[in-house]
Protein backbone atom coordinates (compact mmCIF):
# COMPACT_ATOMS: atom_id res chain seq x y z
CA MET A 1 151.75 106.59 32.33
CA ASP A 2 151.61 109.38 34.92
CA ILE A 3 149.44 108.26 37.84
CA LEU A 4 147.34 111.43 37.46
CA PHE A 5 146.10 110.15 34.11
CA SER A 6 145.45 106.60 35.25
CA PRO A 7 141.89 105.38 35.95
CA LEU A 8 140.50 104.83 39.42
CA ARG A 9 137.40 103.09 40.68
CA ILE A 10 135.15 104.95 43.13
CA GLY A 11 132.75 102.29 44.27
CA SER A 12 131.31 100.87 41.06
CA LEU A 13 132.29 103.97 39.04
CA LEU A 14 135.43 103.91 36.91
CA VAL A 15 136.86 107.43 36.58
CA PRO A 16 139.30 107.94 33.67
CA ASN A 17 141.84 110.06 35.57
CA ARG A 18 142.55 111.55 38.99
CA PHE A 19 141.31 115.09 38.34
CA VAL A 20 138.05 116.22 39.93
CA ARG A 21 136.10 119.36 39.27
CA SER A 22 135.07 120.26 42.80
CA ALA A 23 131.49 121.44 43.27
CA THR A 24 131.15 125.13 42.46
CA HIS A 25 127.95 127.15 42.65
CA ASP A 26 127.53 128.54 39.15
CA PHE A 27 124.63 131.04 39.41
CA MET A 28 123.28 129.62 36.15
CA ALA A 29 119.87 128.16 37.01
CA ASP A 30 116.68 130.02 36.21
CA ASP A 31 114.77 131.71 39.02
CA GLU A 32 112.96 128.47 39.90
CA GLY A 33 116.11 126.34 39.96
CA HIS A 34 115.84 124.67 36.56
CA VAL A 35 118.94 123.79 34.53
CA THR A 36 119.66 126.19 31.65
CA ASP A 37 121.62 126.15 28.40
CA SER A 38 124.48 127.82 30.28
CA HIS A 39 124.77 124.75 32.50
CA VAL A 40 124.90 122.43 29.52
CA LYS A 41 127.69 124.49 27.95
CA LEU A 42 129.64 124.67 31.22
CA TYR A 43 129.60 120.94 31.92
CA SER A 44 130.11 119.96 28.30
CA ARG A 45 133.29 122.06 28.16
CA LEU A 46 134.62 120.51 31.38
CA ALA A 47 134.05 117.04 29.94
CA GLU A 48 135.63 117.98 26.63
CA GLY A 49 138.55 119.29 28.68
CA GLU A 50 139.02 115.76 30.09
CA VAL A 51 138.13 116.36 33.74
CA GLY A 52 137.85 112.82 35.07
CA LEU A 53 135.05 113.40 37.59
CA ILE A 54 132.80 116.44 37.51
CA VAL A 55 130.87 117.39 40.64
CA THR A 56 128.05 119.82 39.92
CA GLY A 57 127.25 122.90 41.92
CA HIS A 58 125.03 122.19 44.92
CA ALA A 59 121.36 121.45 44.27
CA HIS A 60 119.03 122.11 47.18
CA VAL A 61 116.88 119.26 48.50
CA GLN A 62 114.23 121.48 50.11
CA PRO A 63 113.00 124.98 49.23
CA SER A 64 114.14 126.00 52.73
CA GLY A 65 117.64 124.89 51.78
CA GLN A 66 118.29 127.29 48.91
CA ALA A 67 121.62 128.99 49.60
CA SER A 68 121.98 131.42 46.71
CA PRO A 69 120.13 132.99 43.82
CA ARG A 70 119.99 130.98 40.59
CA GLN A 71 120.88 127.74 42.36
CA MET A 72 119.88 124.37 40.93
CA ALA A 73 117.00 122.60 42.66
CA VAL A 74 116.33 118.89 43.11
CA HIS A 75 113.46 118.98 45.61
CA ASP A 76 110.73 117.99 43.15
CA ASP A 77 110.32 115.61 40.21
CA ARG A 78 109.69 118.53 37.88
CA PHE A 79 113.43 119.28 37.91
CA ILE A 80 114.50 115.84 36.67
CA GLY A 81 114.14 116.60 32.95
CA GLY A 82 116.37 119.64 33.15
CA LEU A 83 118.93 117.95 35.37
CA ALA A 84 119.16 115.10 32.85
CA ARG A 85 120.61 117.51 30.30
CA ILE A 86 123.87 117.65 32.30
CA PRO A 87 124.86 113.95 32.23
CA GLU A 88 123.61 113.74 28.66
CA ALA A 89 126.11 116.46 27.69
CA VAL A 90 128.96 115.06 29.80
CA HIS A 91 128.55 111.51 28.54
CA ARG A 92 129.42 112.57 25.01
CA PHE A 93 132.96 112.39 26.39
CA ALA A 94 134.79 110.04 28.78
CA SER A 95 134.15 112.12 31.92
CA ARG A 96 131.83 111.05 34.73
CA VAL A 97 129.49 113.41 36.58
CA VAL A 98 127.82 113.36 40.00
CA LEU A 99 125.18 115.67 41.41
CA GLN A 100 125.99 117.44 44.66
CA ILE A 101 122.93 117.68 46.92
CA ALA A 102 122.74 120.05 49.85
CA HIS A 103 120.75 122.18 52.26
CA ALA A 104 121.94 125.67 53.19
CA GLY A 105 120.87 125.51 56.84
CA ARG A 106 121.47 128.86 58.50
CA GLN A 107 123.65 130.11 55.64
CA THR A 108 120.79 131.65 53.69
CA LYS A 109 118.37 134.55 54.02
CA GLU A 110 114.67 134.54 54.81
CA LYS A 111 113.86 136.42 51.60
CA LEU A 112 115.68 133.73 49.60
CA CYS A 113 114.39 130.55 51.23
CA GLY A 114 110.96 131.94 52.15
CA CYS A 115 111.29 130.86 55.78
CA VAL A 116 113.23 131.37 58.95
CA PRO A 117 116.54 129.57 58.22
CA VAL A 118 117.00 126.33 60.13
CA SER A 119 119.88 124.73 62.01
CA PRO A 120 120.51 121.87 64.44
CA SER A 121 120.57 124.53 67.18
CA ALA A 122 119.58 128.18 67.35
CA VAL A 123 123.10 129.60 67.06
CA HIS A 124 123.44 133.07 65.55
CA ASP A 125 125.50 133.32 62.35
CA PRO A 126 127.49 136.59 62.41
CA ALA A 127 128.41 136.18 58.73
CA SER A 128 124.84 136.03 57.40
CA LYS A 129 123.42 137.87 60.46
CA VAL A 130 120.82 135.11 60.72
CA MET A 131 119.35 133.71 63.92
CA PRO A 132 118.07 130.32 62.80
CA ARG A 133 115.44 128.24 64.50
CA GLU A 134 116.20 124.79 65.81
CA LEU A 135 114.89 121.86 63.81
CA SER A 136 112.59 119.43 65.58
CA SER A 137 113.41 115.73 65.56
CA ASP A 138 110.50 115.12 63.18
CA GLU A 139 111.83 117.80 60.82
CA ILE A 140 115.25 116.14 60.84
CA ARG A 141 113.66 112.85 59.82
CA SER A 142 111.83 114.66 57.01
CA LEU A 143 115.15 116.18 55.97
CA VAL A 144 116.68 112.70 55.78
CA ASP A 145 113.77 111.57 53.58
CA ASP A 146 114.21 114.58 51.29
CA PHE A 147 117.91 113.91 50.82
CA VAL A 148 117.09 110.33 49.89
CA ALA A 149 114.39 111.48 47.45
CA ALA A 150 116.91 113.86 45.88
CA GLY A 151 119.33 110.97 45.44
CA LEU A 152 116.66 108.98 43.62
CA ARG A 153 116.07 111.94 41.30
CA ALA A 154 119.80 112.15 40.59
CA ARG A 155 119.81 108.55 39.44
CA ARG A 156 116.66 109.03 37.36
CA ALA A 157 118.30 112.03 35.70
CA GLY A 158 121.25 109.87 34.62
CA PHE A 159 123.98 111.08 36.96
CA ASP A 160 126.80 108.61 37.62
CA GLY A 161 126.46 109.14 41.35
CA LEU A 162 125.90 111.85 43.92
CA GLN A 163 127.80 113.83 46.50
CA LEU A 164 126.47 114.79 49.92
CA HIS A 165 127.58 118.29 50.90
CA ALA A 166 128.69 118.06 54.54
CA ALA A 167 131.15 120.93 54.52
CA HIS A 168 131.53 124.72 54.76
CA GLY A 169 128.87 125.35 57.40
CA TYR A 170 125.88 124.14 55.38
CA LEU A 171 123.25 122.10 57.21
CA LEU A 172 124.90 118.66 57.28
CA SER A 173 128.18 120.35 58.23
CA SER A 174 126.32 122.19 61.00
CA PHE A 175 125.15 118.88 62.44
CA LEU A 176 128.74 117.63 62.55
CA SER A 177 130.12 120.72 64.28
CA PRO A 178 129.80 121.08 68.07
CA HIS A 179 129.76 124.84 67.56
CA THR A 180 126.47 124.79 65.64
CA ASN A 181 125.06 121.54 67.07
CA ARG A 182 124.40 121.99 70.79
CA ARG A 183 121.52 119.54 71.00
CA ARG A 184 121.11 117.11 73.89
CA ASP A 185 118.97 114.55 72.09
CA GLU A 186 119.97 111.71 69.76
CA TRP A 187 121.09 114.23 67.10
CA GLY A 188 123.69 116.02 69.24
CA GLY A 189 126.44 115.59 71.81
CA PRO A 190 129.11 112.98 71.05
CA VAL A 191 130.47 112.79 67.53
CA GLU A 192 128.45 109.66 66.73
CA ASN A 193 125.24 111.56 67.50
CA ARG A 194 126.34 114.65 65.57
CA ALA A 195 127.01 112.39 62.57
CA ARG A 196 123.61 110.70 62.91
CA ALA A 197 121.83 112.83 60.29
CA LEU A 198 124.58 112.13 57.73
CA VAL A 199 124.57 108.41 58.59
CA GLU A 200 120.78 108.15 58.38
CA ILE A 201 120.84 109.82 54.95
CA LEU A 202 123.51 107.40 53.77
CA ARG A 203 121.56 104.43 55.10
CA GLY A 204 118.42 105.69 53.38
CA LEU A 205 120.27 106.13 50.11
CA ARG A 206 121.71 102.63 50.31
CA SER A 207 118.27 101.21 50.99
CA ALA A 208 116.70 103.13 48.09
CA LEU A 209 119.51 102.99 45.53
CA GLY A 210 121.35 99.80 46.42
CA ARG A 211 125.03 99.35 47.17
CA ASP A 212 126.22 99.86 43.58
CA TYR A 213 125.14 103.48 43.07
CA PRO A 214 128.14 105.68 43.95
CA VAL A 215 127.73 108.06 46.88
CA ILE A 216 130.58 110.33 47.95
CA VAL A 217 130.74 113.08 50.54
CA LYS A 218 132.35 116.48 50.81
CA LEU A 219 133.47 116.56 54.43
CA ASN A 220 134.78 119.39 56.55
CA SER A 221 138.03 118.44 58.26
CA THR A 222 138.03 121.60 60.39
CA ASP A 223 135.76 124.60 60.86
CA PHE A 224 138.64 126.96 61.77
CA LEU A 225 136.55 127.91 64.79
CA GLU A 226 137.29 127.47 68.48
CA GLY A 227 134.81 124.90 69.68
CA GLY A 228 134.12 123.75 66.13
CA LEU A 229 134.80 120.51 64.29
CA THR A 230 138.30 119.14 64.80
CA LEU A 231 140.37 116.98 62.50
CA GLU A 232 140.23 114.19 65.06
CA ASP A 233 136.42 114.20 64.92
CA ALA A 234 136.51 114.35 61.12
CA VAL A 235 138.68 111.21 61.04
CA ARG A 236 136.18 109.43 63.30
CA ILE A 237 133.31 110.53 61.08
CA ALA A 238 135.16 109.30 57.98
CA VAL A 239 135.63 105.86 59.55
CA LEU A 240 131.98 105.78 60.58
CA ILE A 241 130.58 106.65 57.16
CA GLU A 242 132.97 104.24 55.48
CA SER A 243 131.40 101.47 57.56
CA GLU A 244 127.98 102.64 56.34
CA GLY A 245 128.96 102.39 52.67
CA ILE A 246 130.35 105.75 51.52
CA ASP A 247 132.37 105.36 48.30
CA GLY A 248 134.69 108.36 48.49
CA ILE A 249 135.55 111.34 50.69
CA GLU A 250 136.49 114.81 49.44
CA VAL A 251 138.27 116.61 52.27
CA SER A 252 137.70 120.33 52.71
CA GLY A 253 137.31 122.81 55.56
CA GLY A 254 136.24 126.22 56.73
CA MET A 255 132.98 128.11 56.97
CA ALA A 256 131.80 131.65 56.45
CA GLU A 257 131.52 132.45 60.15
CA ALA A 258 135.20 131.65 60.67
CA GLY A 259 136.18 134.20 58.05
CA ARG A 260 138.20 131.44 56.44
CA GLY A 261 136.29 129.45 53.91
CA SER A 262 137.40 126.85 51.41
CA VAL A 263 138.55 129.24 48.65
CA TRP A 264 141.47 131.19 50.04
CA PRO A 265 142.39 134.28 47.99
CA GLY A 266 145.85 134.88 46.61
CA LEU A 267 148.53 132.73 45.03
CA ARG A 268 150.79 130.49 47.11
CA THR A 269 154.15 128.90 46.60
CA GLU A 270 154.19 125.30 45.44
CA ASP A 271 154.99 124.22 49.01
CA GLU A 272 151.79 125.92 50.19
CA GLU A 273 149.47 124.53 47.52
CA GLY A 274 146.95 121.93 48.61
CA TYR A 275 146.18 123.52 51.95
CA PHE A 276 143.78 120.70 52.89
CA ALA A 277 146.03 117.93 51.56
CA GLU A 278 147.55 117.10 54.95
CA ASN A 279 144.07 116.74 56.47
CA ALA A 280 143.17 114.51 53.53
CA ALA A 281 146.26 112.42 54.27
CA ARG A 282 145.17 111.98 57.90
CA ILE A 283 141.77 110.74 56.77
CA LYS A 284 143.28 108.52 54.07
CA GLN A 285 145.37 106.75 56.73
CA ALA A 286 142.13 105.77 58.49
CA VAL A 287 139.96 104.62 55.55
CA GLN A 288 140.20 102.41 52.49
CA VAL A 289 137.87 104.33 50.16
CA PRO A 290 139.31 106.93 47.73
CA VAL A 291 140.12 110.31 49.26
CA PHE A 292 140.14 113.60 47.34
CA ALA A 293 142.56 116.42 48.24
CA LEU A 294 141.97 120.08 47.45
CA GLY A 295 142.96 123.59 48.40
CA GLY A 296 144.52 126.03 45.96
CA ILE A 297 146.21 123.39 43.81
CA ARG A 298 147.53 125.16 40.73
CA THR A 299 150.56 123.15 39.61
CA LEU A 300 150.71 119.79 37.84
CA ALA A 301 153.82 118.83 39.81
CA VAL A 302 152.06 119.46 43.14
CA ALA A 303 149.01 117.46 42.08
CA GLY A 304 151.28 114.61 41.07
CA ARG A 305 153.18 114.62 44.36
CA ILE A 306 149.98 114.52 46.42
CA VAL A 307 148.83 111.37 44.64
CA ARG A 308 152.22 109.66 44.26
CA GLU A 309 153.04 110.21 47.93
CA GLY A 310 149.75 108.59 48.92
CA ARG A 311 148.26 111.63 50.62
CA ALA A 312 145.17 111.34 48.43
CA ASP A 313 143.88 109.34 45.49
CA LEU A 314 142.45 112.26 43.49
CA VAL A 315 142.94 116.03 43.36
CA SER A 316 140.06 118.49 43.19
CA LEU A 317 140.20 121.81 41.35
CA SER A 318 137.63 124.58 41.10
CA ARG A 319 138.87 128.05 40.21
CA PRO A 320 141.54 126.82 37.73
CA LEU A 321 138.76 125.12 35.76
CA ILE A 322 136.74 128.32 35.73
CA ARG A 323 139.78 130.01 34.23
CA ASP A 324 140.36 127.16 31.76
CA PRO A 325 137.96 124.21 31.46
CA PHE A 326 140.51 122.52 29.16
CA LEU A 327 143.32 122.63 31.74
CA VAL A 328 143.40 118.88 32.40
CA ARG A 329 143.70 118.13 28.71
CA ARG A 330 146.51 120.68 28.42
CA PHE A 331 148.24 119.06 31.40
CA ARG A 332 148.05 115.68 29.64
CA GLU A 333 149.28 117.08 26.33
CA GLY A 334 152.19 118.84 28.02
CA SER A 335 151.15 122.34 26.91
CA ALA A 336 150.65 123.54 30.50
CA ALA A 337 152.47 122.90 33.78
CA ARG A 338 150.34 125.11 35.99
CA SER A 339 147.08 127.02 35.97
CA GLU A 340 147.06 130.71 35.14
CA CYS A 341 144.41 131.27 37.84
CA THR A 342 145.50 134.00 40.28
CA SER A 343 142.91 133.13 42.97
CA CYS A 344 141.43 136.61 42.82
CA ASN A 345 137.99 135.08 43.61
CA LYS A 346 136.22 137.47 41.27
CA CYS A 347 134.94 134.49 39.28
CA PHE A 348 132.01 133.92 41.68
CA ASN A 349 129.72 136.23 39.76
CA PRO A 350 125.95 136.32 40.48
CA ARG A 351 125.42 136.64 36.71
CA GLY A 352 127.20 133.31 36.17
CA ILE A 353 130.66 132.11 37.10
CA ARG A 354 133.43 133.26 34.79
CA CYS A 355 137.06 134.28 34.99
CA ALA A 356 137.04 138.02 35.63
CA GLU A 357 140.57 138.47 34.31
CA LEU A 358 139.73 136.84 30.98
CA ALA A 359 136.52 138.88 30.79
CA GLU A 360 138.63 142.02 31.30
CA GLY A 361 141.10 140.91 28.62
CA ARG A 362 144.00 140.25 30.99
């Protein structure tokens, strides 16, 4: 059997194959952040398409952390019933599903979050044109508590685990980066202090949920910014959170301010696919927990090489599964060798994610 279609254990969770649907904001919630029928259809189709592990779009843990319109919310118990519809739909099939929880930090707008956006330090964001205010130490501790409460809601809703979003310039990523975290207290300075918020959240989750509930992280490996997070720091963070009980690490990179995010436009040659795979390999050399590679992977052969060569244990896809939620099944059946996704990035539609080329009949 091809290793890509072999099972793998992530903590206590057995995943049926090595394909991951990487978290993708779907613009499908209602105006308050409740799950809709569109969500249920989206995740049901991914599960029917045999995606081994599905990571939802990010759900915000505080109202101040809303990043985008029509984003799922998990900051209050009233959202649990709607959220539960997603694992209920996915579990009709063999797939597993985890809820990604996040806070936008300075990558939001005042009219969206209803507040002055917050950050570890008051560093202007030229991409969003936001000047955030610096969080107090007490507010950071409240943030930790709210992430833990969100994790408890994920379990109550029936998710198989959760993912902490510590990438792409969102709030936890901003704590990790020396560019956006210029604090001189216990939350800033050396990498161990910059990772403190993430570590405290993980400790809180382990205390509240126990060791058996799977918790993974999406981790920036670089910000692509001078003075930002380096791969060397990311490796140290990975080792640190492994010692605190993380179950898996999805390796990404980039942020809006750098002008180079995680979804690079345009097709690449097979040799250029998986543009974060080498960073994933560096982290995998330092940890024992499963590592996920991503970055413009379009070809079954490339995905297979990444795993067989030991650069990662799983491969994460996003845009190809917007184009075709049944792609993994077609890979297994031999009816497809690569995705037809052209990386045009027009799928990120505020009216709901969808492949623009298919919508236009191309």
